Protein backbone atom coordinates (compact mmCIF):
# COMPACT_ATOMS: atom_id res chain seq x y z
CA MET A 1 -12.46 14.88 15.88
CA SER A 2 -12.24 16.54 12.06
CA ARG A 3 -14.19 14.70 9.45
CA ARG A 4 -11.65 13.61 7.53
CA ALA A 5 -10.76 11.49 10.30
CA ALA A 6 -14.42 10.64 11.39
CA ASP A 7 -14.54 9.44 7.90
CA GLN A 8 -11.10 7.45 7.88
CA GLY A 9 -12.21 5.96 10.95
CA SER A 10 -14.99 4.75 8.66
CA TYR A 11 -12.84 3.45 6.02
CA MET A 12 -10.80 1.89 8.09
CA ASN A 13 -14.36 -0.57 10.35
CA ARG A 14 -15.01 -2.06 6.04
CA GLY A 15 -12.99 -4.84 7.06
CA ASN A 16 -10.74 -4.36 3.35
CA LYS A 17 -7.84 -6.55 3.68
CA TYR A 18 -5.87 -3.11 2.82
CA VAL A 19 -6.81 -1.87 6.15
CA PRO A 20 -3.26 -3.34 7.97
CA LEU A 21 -1.73 -0.44 5.01
CA HIS A 22 -3.91 2.66 5.66
CA GLY A 23 -3.17 2.78 9.24
CA LEU A 24 0.79 2.19 8.23
CA LEU A 25 0.40 5.55 5.40
CA ASN A 26 -2.14 7.41 8.20
CA THR A 27 0.37 7.40 10.74
CA THR A 28 3.36 8.35 8.51
CA THR A 29 4.36 11.73 8.71
CA GLN A 30 7.56 11.80 6.27
CA GLY A 31 5.40 13.31 2.83
CA GLU A 32 7.08 10.16 0.97
CA THR A 33 8.00 6.76 1.97
CA THR A 34 9.04 3.63 0.11
CA LEU A 35 7.87 0.28 1.03
CA SER A 36 9.12 -3.11 -1.26
CA PHE A 37 6.60 -5.76 -1.65
CA ALA A 38 7.72 -7.57 1.28
CA GLU A 39 7.75 -4.94 3.70
CA ILE A 40 4.38 -4.01 1.76
CA GLU A 41 3.45 -7.61 2.64
CA SER A 42 4.70 -8.07 6.07
CA VAL A 43 2.69 -4.97 6.85
CA LEU A 44 0.12 -6.31 5.28
CA GLY A 45 0.11 -10.02 6.57
CA PHE A 46 -0.24 -12.22 3.38
CA SER A 47 1.71 -12.47 -0.44
CA ALA A 48 1.14 -9.60 -2.46
CA THR A 49 -1.22 -10.43 -5.65
CA ASP A 50 1.17 -12.10 -9.47
CA SER A 51 -1.05 -8.86 -10.24
CA ALA A 52 1.11 -6.29 -7.86
CA THR A 53 4.36 -7.37 -8.14
CA ALA A 54 3.91 -7.64 -12.39
CA TYR A 55 0.67 -4.93 -13.55
CA ALA A 56 1.69 -1.00 -12.36
CA ALA A 57 -1.63 -0.58 -13.60
CA TRP A 58 -2.88 -2.76 -10.18
CA TRP A 59 -0.74 0.18 -8.35
CA ALA A 60 -3.30 3.39 -10.40
CA ASN A 61 -4.36 5.83 -8.15
CA GLN A 62 -7.83 5.27 -9.62
CA MET A 63 -11.23 7.10 -8.77
CA PRO A 64 -13.04 5.28 -7.51
CA PRO A 65 -10.86 3.00 -5.85
CA SER A 66 -10.14 -0.20 -5.93
CA SER A 67 -9.77 -2.40 -2.69
CA GLN A 68 -6.78 -2.15 -2.72
CA SER A 69 -6.46 1.84 -3.70
CA SER A 70 -8.38 2.74 -1.36
CA ALA A 71 -6.39 2.29 1.10
CA TRP A 72 -4.01 4.63 -0.08
CA THR A 73 -6.31 7.35 -1.51
CA ALA A 74 -7.83 7.55 1.51
CA ALA A 75 -5.10 7.76 3.89
CA GLY A 76 -4.35 11.03 1.34
CA TRP A 77 -1.34 9.70 -0.52
CA ARG A 78 -0.61 8.32 -4.28
CA ALA A 79 1.26 5.39 -5.14
CA TYR A 80 3.85 5.16 -8.20
CA PRO A 81 5.67 1.61 -8.31
CA ASN A 82 8.76 0.93 -8.79
CA LEU A 83 8.44 -2.79 -11.20
CA ARG A 84 11.55 -4.00 -11.18
CA ALA A 85 12.87 -2.56 -8.06
CA ALA A 86 10.35 -4.11 -6.31
CA HIS A 87 8.66 -1.54 -4.71
CA VAL A 88 6.11 1.30 -4.17
CA THR A 89 6.84 4.88 -3.61
CA PHE A 90 3.90 6.59 -2.00
CA ARG A 91 3.66 10.02 -2.10
CA ARG A 92 1.21 12.70 -0.08
CA ASN A 93 -1.68 13.41 -2.56
CA THR A 94 -1.38 17.58 -0.90
CA GLU A 95 -4.78 17.86 -4.18
CA LEU A 96 -6.65 16.40 -1.64
CA VAL A 97 -8.52 18.89 0.81
CA GLU A 98 -11.43 16.07 2.26
CA ILE A 99 -13.70 13.05 2.12
CA THR A 100 -16.76 13.78 1.89
CA ASP A 101 -18.19 10.47 1.07
CA ILE A 102 -18.44 6.91 1.90
CA ASN A 103 -20.11 4.88 -0.87
CA PRO A 104 -21.08 1.56 1.13
CA LEU A 105 -20.03 -0.51 -1.79
CA ILE A 106 -16.01 0.49 -2.63
CA GLY A 107 -15.73 2.86 0.72
CA VAL A 108 -14.04 5.90 0.91
CA ASN A 109 -14.94 8.11 -1.84
CA PRO A 110 -12.19 10.73 -2.01
CA THR A 111 -13.21 14.70 -3.04
CA PHE A 112 -10.14 15.84 -4.83
CA MET A 113 -9.85 20.12 -5.46
CA SER A 114 -6.71 21.57 -6.44
CA SER A 115 -4.93 24.16 -4.01
CA ALA A 116 -5.82 27.10 -6.38
CA ALA A 117 -9.59 26.39 -6.90
CA LYS A 118 -9.78 26.44 -2.93
């Protein structure tokens, strides 16, 4: 098993309520996928927060990741919300090289590196 796969497995065991979204994205083979808020709610098993449906910042691809952004960043994706259309497009993050550290406070701490810097 690769280190990245092992680290993602550790993330999946952390009890984060967004783990089902991580699992879906981790098994998606396309480079881009768009999910409606209703589809995301169905995957998660609960309703989206008011912040998730009203503020693009909730979907920020931030580092260190928030509990929700860990779900897509740890699976190697970036989120691009369209609040008016009530959907999020997830695109594979081609800059992700490997996950190098597990932080017990926030989950996975991905390391990003430009492919040109390798």
